[in-house]
Amino acid sequence: MQEINIHGVFVPAALVWATVAFALCSLLARVLSRSGFYNFVWHRSLFDVSLFVIMWGTVAAIAYHIAFAER
């Protein structure tokens, strides 16, 4: 399991990537709400959860690629 050292505190990498994904999803949800996109979505909560899972996977994949591309 990967860990990230933040000022001497080891934090699980999955928690860091989930936090980044949550921040991105919050911004994206605000943009989608203001643009009226949610009028076309059947169940907003399910859409938001699926968007979060997709963003979390994307952030984790990018971070994994960056971390191991240097080696």
N, C-alpha and C. Protein backbone atom coordinates (compact mmCIF):
# COMPACT_ATOMS: atom_id res chain seq x y z
N MET A 1 0.84 -1.17 0.00
CA MET A 1 0.00 0.00 0.00
C MET A 1 0.89 1.24 0.00
N GLN A 2 0.57 2.17 -0.85
CA GLN A 2 1.36 3.38 -0.96
C GLN A 2 0.94 4.39 0.09
N GLU A 3 1.91 5.14 0.58
CA GLU A 3 1.66 6.20 1.55
C GLU A 3 2.38 7.45 1.10
N ILE A 4 1.82 8.59 1.48
CA ILE A 4 2.41 9.87 1.14
C ILE A 4 2.81 10.56 2.43
N ASN A 5 4.02 11.08 2.47
CA ASN A 5 4.53 11.77 3.64
C ASN A 5 4.16 13.24 3.55
N ILE A 6 3.28 13.69 4.45
CA ILE A 6 2.88 15.09 4.50
C ILE A 6 3.36 15.67 5.82
N HIS A 7 4.47 16.34 5.78
CA HIS A 7 5.09 16.96 6.96
C HIS A 7 5.28 15.96 8.09
N GLY A 8 5.77 14.78 7.77
CA GLY A 8 6.06 13.78 8.78
C GLY A 8 4.91 12.85 9.11
N VAL A 9 3.75 13.07 8.53
CA VAL A 9 2.59 12.22 8.78
C VAL A 9 2.34 11.40 7.52
N PHE A 10 2.34 10.08 7.67
CA PHE A 10 2.09 9.20 6.53
C PHE A 10 0.59 9.03 6.34
N VAL A 11 0.13 9.41 5.16
CA VAL A 11 -1.30 9.37 4.82
C VAL A 11 -1.46 8.38 3.67
N PRO A 12 -2.49 7.52 3.72
CA PRO A 12 -2.70 6.61 2.60
C PRO A 12 -2.92 7.39 1.30
N ALA A 13 -2.30 6.92 0.25
CA ALA A 13 -2.40 7.60 -1.04
C ALA A 13 -3.85 7.65 -1.53
N ALA A 14 -4.62 6.61 -1.26
CA ALA A 14 -6.01 6.58 -1.70
C ALA A 14 -6.81 7.73 -1.08
N LEU A 15 -6.51 8.06 0.16
CA LEU A 15 -7.21 9.17 0.83
C LEU A 15 -6.86 10.50 0.17
N VAL A 16 -5.61 10.67 -0.18
CA VAL A 16 -5.18 11.91 -0.85
C VAL A 16 -5.84 12.02 -2.21
N TRP A 17 -5.85 10.94 -2.97
CA TRP A 17 -6.45 10.98 -4.31
C TRP A 17 -7.96 11.18 -4.21
N ALA A 18 -8.60 10.60 -3.20
CA ALA A 18 -10.03 10.80 -3.01
C ALA A 18 -10.34 12.26 -2.67
N THR A 19 -9.48 12.88 -1.89
CA THR A 19 -9.68 14.29 -1.55
C THR A 19 -9.54 15.18 -2.78
N VAL A 20 -8.56 14.89 -3.60
CA VAL A 20 -8.38 15.64 -4.85
C VAL A 20 -9.58 15.43 -5.77
N ALA A 21 -10.03 14.19 -5.88
CA ALA A 21 -11.18 13.90 -6.74
C ALA A 21 -12.44 14.59 -6.22
N PHE A 22 -12.61 14.64 -4.90
CA PHE A 22 -13.77 15.32 -4.33
C PHE A 22 -13.76 16.80 -4.65
N ALA A 23 -12.59 17.42 -4.55
CA ALA A 23 -12.49 18.85 -4.87
C ALA A 23 -12.81 19.10 -6.34
N LEU A 24 -12.29 18.26 -7.22
CA LEU A 24 -12.57 18.40 -8.65
C LEU A 24 -14.04 18.18 -8.95
N CYS A 25 -14.64 17.18 -8.31
CA CYS A 25 -16.07 16.90 -8.53
C CYS A 25 -16.96 18.01 -8.01
N SER A 26 -16.57 18.63 -6.92
CA SER A 26 -17.34 19.75 -6.38
C SER A 26 -17.34 20.92 -7.37
N LEU A 27 -16.18 21.20 -7.93
CA LEU A 27 -16.10 22.27 -8.92
C LEU A 27 -16.89 21.92 -10.18
N LEU A 28 -16.77 20.68 -10.62
CA LEU A 28 -17.48 20.25 -11.82
C LEU A 28 -18.98 20.24 -11.60
N ALA A 29 -19.43 19.84 -10.42
CA ALA A 29 -20.87 19.84 -10.11
C ALA A 29 -21.42 21.26 -10.11
N ARG A 30 -20.63 22.20 -9.62
CA ARG A 30 -21.07 23.60 -9.62
C ARG A 30 -21.22 24.11 -11.05
N VAL A 31 -20.28 23.76 -11.91
CA VAL A 31 -20.35 24.17 -13.32
C VAL A 31 -21.54 23.52 -14.01
N LEU A 32 -21.75 22.23 -13.77
CA LEU A 32 -22.87 21.53 -14.38
C LEU A 32 -24.21 22.05 -13.89
N SER A 33 -24.27 22.44 -12.63
CA SER A 33 -25.51 22.97 -12.08
C SER A 33 -25.84 24.33 -12.70
N ARG A 34 -24.84 25.17 -12.81
CA ARG A 34 -25.07 26.50 -13.38
C ARG A 34 -25.38 26.45 -14.87
N SER A 35 -24.87 25.45 -15.56
CA SER A 35 -25.12 25.35 -17.00
C SER A 35 -26.46 24.71 -17.32
N GLY A 36 -27.13 24.14 -16.32
CA GLY A 36 -28.43 23.52 -16.55
C GLY A 36 -28.34 22.07 -16.99
N PHE A 37 -27.17 21.48 -16.89
CA PHE A 37 -26.99 20.09 -17.33
C PHE A 37 -27.83 19.12 -16.50
N TYR A 38 -28.00 19.43 -15.21
CA TYR A 38 -28.71 18.51 -14.33
C TYR A 38 -30.20 18.40 -14.68
N ASN A 39 -30.72 19.25 -15.52
CA ASN A 39 -32.10 19.11 -15.98
C ASN A 39 -32.27 17.86 -16.84
N PHE A 40 -31.18 17.37 -17.42
CA PHE A 40 -31.23 16.20 -18.28
C PHE A 40 -30.83 14.91 -17.56
N VAL A 41 -30.48 15.01 -16.29
CA VAL A 41 -30.04 13.86 -15.50
C VAL A 41 -31.22 13.34 -14.70
N TRP A 42 -31.42 12.02 -14.75
CA TRP A 42 -32.56 11.42 -14.07
C TRP A 42 -32.41 11.45 -12.56
N HIS A 43 -31.26 11.05 -12.06
CA HIS A 43 -31.04 10.98 -10.61
C HIS A 43 -29.71 11.65 -10.31
N ARG A 44 -29.78 12.87 -9.79
CA ARG A 44 -28.58 13.68 -9.61
C ARG A 44 -27.59 13.02 -8.63
N SER A 45 -28.08 12.42 -7.56
CA SER A 45 -27.18 11.82 -6.56
C SER A 45 -26.38 10.67 -7.16
N LEU A 46 -27.03 9.82 -7.92
CA LEU A 46 -26.32 8.70 -8.55
C LEU A 46 -25.31 9.21 -9.57
N PHE A 47 -25.69 10.25 -10.29
CA PHE A 47 -24.77 10.84 -11.26
C PHE A 47 -23.54 11.41 -10.56
N ASP A 48 -23.75 12.10 -9.44
CA ASP A 48 -22.63 12.68 -8.70
C ASP A 48 -21.70 11.61 -8.13
N VAL A 49 -22.27 10.52 -7.62
CA VAL A 49 -21.44 9.44 -7.08
C VAL A 49 -20.63 8.79 -8.20
N SER A 50 -21.26 8.54 -9.33
CA SER A 50 -20.54 7.93 -10.44
C SER A 50 -19.47 8.88 -10.98
N LEU A 51 -19.75 10.17 -10.99
CA LEU A 51 -18.75 11.14 -11.41
C LEU A 51 -17.56 11.14 -10.45
N PHE A 52 -17.83 11.03 -9.16
CA PHE A 52 -16.75 10.98 -8.17
C PHE A 52 -15.89 9.73 -8.36
N VAL A 53 -16.52 8.58 -8.59
CA VAL A 53 -15.76 7.34 -8.78
C VAL A 53 -14.89 7.43 -10.02
N ILE A 54 -15.43 7.98 -11.08
CA ILE A 54 -14.66 8.13 -12.32
C ILE A 54 -13.49 9.10 -12.11
N MET A 55 -13.73 10.20 -11.42
CA MET A 55 -12.67 11.16 -11.16
C MET A 55 -11.61 10.58 -10.24
N TRP A 56 -12.02 9.81 -9.24
CA TRP A 56 -11.06 9.19 -8.31
C TRP A 56 -10.16 8.22 -9.06
N GLY A 57 -10.74 7.40 -9.92
CA GLY A 57 -9.95 6.48 -10.72
C GLY A 57 -9.00 7.19 -11.65
N THR A 58 -9.47 8.28 -12.24
CA THR A 58 -8.63 9.05 -13.15
C THR A 58 -7.46 9.70 -12.42
N VAL A 59 -7.75 10.31 -11.28
CA VAL A 59 -6.69 10.96 -10.49
C VAL A 59 -5.67 9.92 -10.02
N ALA A 60 -6.16 8.78 -9.56
CA ALA A 60 -5.25 7.73 -9.07
C ALA A 60 -4.40 7.17 -10.22
N ALA A 61 -5.00 6.99 -11.39
CA ALA A 61 -4.24 6.47 -12.53
C ALA A 61 -3.18 7.46 -12.98
N ILE A 62 -3.51 8.74 -12.99
CA ILE A 62 -2.53 9.75 -13.38
C ILE A 62 -1.40 9.81 -12.36
N ALA A 63 -1.75 9.77 -11.08
CA ALA A 63 -0.72 9.81 -10.04
C ALA A 63 0.17 8.58 -10.09
N TYR A 64 -0.41 7.43 -10.33
CA TYR A 64 0.36 6.19 -10.44
C TYR A 64 1.30 6.26 -11.65
N HIS A 65 0.78 6.77 -12.74
CA HIS A 65 1.60 6.88 -13.96
C HIS A 65 2.76 7.85 -13.74
N ILE A 66 2.50 8.98 -13.08
CA ILE A 66 3.55 9.96 -12.83
C ILE A 66 4.59 9.39 -11.87
N ALA A 67 4.13 8.68 -10.84
CA ALA A 67 5.06 8.15 -9.82
C ALA A 67 5.97 7.07 -10.40
N PHE A 68 5.45 6.23 -11.26
CA PHE A 68 6.26 5.13 -11.76
C PHE A 68 6.85 5.38 -13.13
N ALA A 69 6.53 6.49 -13.77
CA ALA A 69 7.14 6.83 -15.04
C ALA A 69 8.56 7.36 -14.81
N GLU A 70 8.80 7.90 -13.63
CA GLU A 70 10.12 8.46 -13.32
C GLU A 70 11.14 7.37 -13.04
N ARG A 71 10.72 6.20 -12.69
CA ARG A 71 11.64 5.11 -12.32
C ARG A 71 12.17 4.39 -13.51
